[in-house]
């Protein structure tokens, strides 16, 4: 029998699309637990992966404001 262990303490780097007192402001690259990303942030579209395309798009949006 093979036992599989999942490391739930894995953290991801994401770009915050909203202000949160405990997380950061819009545009911050923050570390969040994978579970928080999967269950909350990604479904509500409150954060995105920090890909070069997403970073460039965010910079454009911040410059317009």
N, C-alpha and C. Protein backbone atom coordinates (compact mmCIF):
# COMPACT_ATOMS: atom_id res chain seq x y z
N UNK A 1 0.84 -1.18 0.00
CA UNK A 1 0.00 0.00 0.00
C UNK A 1 0.89 1.24 0.00
N UNK A 2 0.54 2.21 -0.85
CA UNK A 2 1.31 3.44 -0.96
C UNK A 2 0.55 4.55 -0.27
N UNK A 3 1.23 5.26 0.60
CA UNK A 3 0.61 6.41 1.27
C UNK A 3 1.04 7.67 0.55
N UNK A 4 0.09 8.52 0.29
CA UNK A 4 0.37 9.78 -0.37
C UNK A 4 0.10 10.90 0.62
N UNK A 5 1.08 11.76 0.80
CA UNK A 5 0.93 12.88 1.71
C UNK A 5 0.91 14.17 0.90
N UNK A 6 -0.07 15.01 1.18
CA UNK A 6 -0.16 16.29 0.51
C UNK A 6 0.34 17.37 1.45
N UNK A 7 1.20 18.19 0.94
CA UNK A 7 1.74 19.28 1.73
C UNK A 7 0.82 20.49 1.57
N UNK A 8 -0.10 20.70 2.48
CA UNK A 8 -1.04 21.79 2.40
C UNK A 8 -0.43 23.13 2.81
N UNK A 9 0.81 23.11 3.27
CA UNK A 9 1.43 24.37 3.68
C UNK A 9 2.15 25.04 2.51
N UNK A 10 1.93 24.55 1.29
CA UNK A 10 2.55 25.15 0.12
C UNK A 10 1.99 26.56 -0.06
N UNK A 11 2.88 27.51 -0.32
CA UNK A 11 2.45 28.88 -0.51
C UNK A 11 2.70 29.30 -1.95
N UNK A 12 1.83 30.11 -2.48
CA UNK A 12 1.93 30.60 -3.84
C UNK A 12 2.15 32.11 -3.82
N UNK A 13 2.82 32.61 -4.83
CA UNK A 13 2.94 34.05 -5.02
C UNK A 13 1.83 34.49 -5.96
N UNK A 14 1.06 35.48 -5.55
CA UNK A 14 -0.03 36.00 -6.37
C UNK A 14 -0.02 37.52 -6.32
N UNK A 15 -0.68 38.14 -7.31
CA UNK A 15 -0.84 39.59 -7.35
C UNK A 15 -2.21 39.92 -6.76
N UNK A 16 -2.25 40.75 -5.76
CA UNK A 16 -3.51 41.16 -5.14
C UNK A 16 -4.24 42.13 -6.07
N UNK A 17 -5.53 41.86 -6.30
CA UNK A 17 -6.36 42.74 -7.12
C UNK A 17 -7.29 43.58 -6.25
N UNK A 18 -7.06 43.60 -4.96
CA UNK A 18 -7.92 44.32 -4.03
C UNK A 18 -7.11 44.70 -2.81
N UNK A 19 -7.65 45.59 -1.99
CA UNK A 19 -6.99 45.98 -0.74
C UNK A 19 -7.47 45.07 0.38
N UNK A 20 -6.53 44.55 1.13
CA UNK A 20 -6.85 43.77 2.31
C UNK A 20 -5.86 44.13 3.39
N UNK A 21 -6.34 44.41 4.58
CA UNK A 21 -5.47 44.84 5.65
C UNK A 21 -4.41 43.79 5.98
N UNK A 22 -4.75 42.53 5.92
CA UNK A 22 -3.78 41.50 6.25
C UNK A 22 -2.97 41.01 5.08
N UNK A 23 -3.40 41.35 3.86
CA UNK A 23 -2.75 40.81 2.67
C UNK A 23 -1.89 41.84 1.96
N UNK A 24 -2.44 42.99 1.66
CA UNK A 24 -1.68 44.02 0.97
C UNK A 24 -2.60 44.90 0.14
N UNK A 25 -1.99 45.73 -0.71
CA UNK A 25 -2.77 46.63 -1.56
C UNK A 25 -2.75 46.12 -2.99
N UNK A 26 -3.51 46.78 -3.84
CA UNK A 26 -3.60 46.38 -5.25
C UNK A 26 -2.21 46.44 -5.87
N UNK A 27 -1.82 45.37 -6.53
CA UNK A 27 -0.53 45.32 -7.21
C UNK A 27 0.58 44.66 -6.41
N UNK A 28 0.37 44.42 -5.15
CA UNK A 28 1.39 43.74 -4.34
C UNK A 28 1.48 42.27 -4.73
N UNK A 29 2.70 41.77 -4.81
CA UNK A 29 2.91 40.33 -4.98
C UNK A 29 3.07 39.76 -3.58
N UNK A 30 2.14 38.90 -3.21
CA UNK A 30 2.10 38.37 -1.85
C UNK A 30 2.11 36.85 -1.87
N UNK A 31 2.54 36.28 -0.74
CA UNK A 31 2.50 34.83 -0.57
C UNK A 31 1.24 34.46 0.18
N UNK A 32 0.50 33.51 -0.38
CA UNK A 32 -0.72 33.04 0.28
C UNK A 32 -0.70 31.52 0.29
N UNK A 33 -1.34 30.92 1.27
CA UNK A 33 -1.44 29.46 1.28
C UNK A 33 -2.23 28.97 0.07
N UNK A 34 -1.83 27.82 -0.44
CA UNK A 34 -2.49 27.24 -1.62
C UNK A 34 -3.98 27.07 -1.38
N UNK A 35 -4.35 26.68 -0.19
CA UNK A 35 -5.77 26.47 0.14
C UNK A 35 -6.55 27.78 0.03
N UNK A 36 -5.96 28.89 0.49
CA UNK A 36 -6.63 30.19 0.40
C UNK A 36 -6.81 30.59 -1.06
N UNK A 37 -5.79 30.34 -1.88
CA UNK A 37 -5.87 30.65 -3.30
C UNK A 37 -6.98 29.84 -3.97
N UNK A 38 -6.98 28.56 -3.72
CA UNK A 38 -7.92 27.65 -4.38
C UNK A 38 -9.36 27.91 -3.94
N UNK A 39 -9.59 28.10 -2.65
CA UNK A 39 -10.95 28.19 -2.13
C UNK A 39 -11.55 29.59 -2.15
N UNK A 40 -10.72 30.62 -2.20
CA UNK A 40 -11.26 31.96 -2.04
C UNK A 40 -10.80 32.94 -3.11
N UNK A 41 -9.51 33.15 -3.21
CA UNK A 41 -9.00 34.22 -4.06
C UNK A 41 -9.23 33.99 -5.54
N UNK A 42 -8.99 32.78 -6.03
CA UNK A 42 -9.14 32.53 -7.46
C UNK A 42 -10.60 32.53 -7.88
N UNK A 43 -11.47 31.98 -7.06
CA UNK A 43 -12.89 31.91 -7.42
C UNK A 43 -13.54 33.28 -7.45
N UNK A 44 -13.14 34.16 -6.54
CA UNK A 44 -13.69 35.51 -6.49
C UNK A 44 -12.91 36.48 -7.38
N UNK A 45 -11.88 35.98 -8.05
CA UNK A 45 -11.01 36.79 -8.92
C UNK A 45 -10.40 37.98 -8.17
N UNK A 46 -9.96 37.69 -6.95
CA UNK A 46 -9.34 38.72 -6.12
C UNK A 46 -7.83 38.74 -6.24
N UNK A 47 -7.28 37.76 -6.95
CA UNK A 47 -5.83 37.70 -7.15
C UNK A 47 -5.54 36.93 -8.45
N UNK A 48 -4.36 37.18 -9.01
CA UNK A 48 -3.94 36.49 -10.23
C UNK A 48 -2.50 36.03 -10.07
N UNK A 49 -2.10 35.12 -10.94
CA UNK A 49 -0.71 34.68 -10.95
C UNK A 49 0.18 35.82 -11.46
N UNK A 50 1.38 35.95 -10.93
CA UNK A 50 2.27 37.04 -11.36
C UNK A 50 3.04 36.71 -12.64
N UNK A 51 2.32 36.47 -13.73
CA UNK A 51 2.97 36.23 -15.02
C UNK A 51 3.39 37.57 -15.61
N UNK A 52 4.33 37.58 -16.54
CA UNK A 52 4.74 38.85 -17.15
C UNK A 52 3.56 39.60 -17.79
N UNK A 53 2.63 38.86 -18.41
CA UNK A 53 1.47 39.49 -19.03
C UNK A 53 0.58 40.16 -17.99
N UNK A 54 0.33 39.47 -16.87
CA UNK A 54 -0.52 40.04 -15.81
C UNK A 54 0.14 41.25 -15.16
N UNK A 55 1.44 41.21 -14.99
CA UNK A 55 2.16 42.34 -14.40
C UNK A 55 2.10 43.55 -15.33
N UNK A 56 2.28 43.33 -16.65
CA UNK A 56 2.21 44.43 -17.61
C UNK A 56 0.81 45.03 -17.65
N UNK A 57 -0.21 44.19 -17.62
CA UNK A 57 -1.59 44.67 -17.63
C UNK A 57 -1.90 45.48 -16.37
N UNK A 58 -1.42 45.02 -15.24
CA UNK A 58 -1.64 45.74 -13.98
C UNK A 58 -0.93 47.08 -14.00
N UNK A 59 0.29 47.13 -14.54
CA UNK A 59 1.02 48.40 -14.63
C UNK A 59 0.27 49.40 -15.49
N UNK A 60 -0.32 48.93 -16.60
CA UNK A 60 -1.11 49.82 -17.45
C UNK A 60 -2.31 50.37 -16.69
N UNK A 61 -3.01 49.51 -15.98
CA UNK A 61 -4.20 49.93 -15.22
C UNK A 61 -3.82 50.93 -14.13
N UNK A 62 -2.70 50.72 -13.45
CA UNK A 62 -2.30 51.62 -12.37
C UNK A 62 -1.84 52.96 -12.91
N UNK A 63 -1.26 53.00 -14.12
CA UNK A 63 -0.81 54.25 -14.71
C UNK A 63 -1.99 55.10 -15.18
N UNK A 64 -3.07 54.44 -15.61
CA UNK A 64 -4.24 55.16 -16.08
C UNK A 64 -4.94 55.87 -14.93
N UNK A 65 -4.94 55.25 -13.76
CA UNK A 65 -5.63 55.82 -12.60
C UNK A 65 -4.93 57.01 -12.11
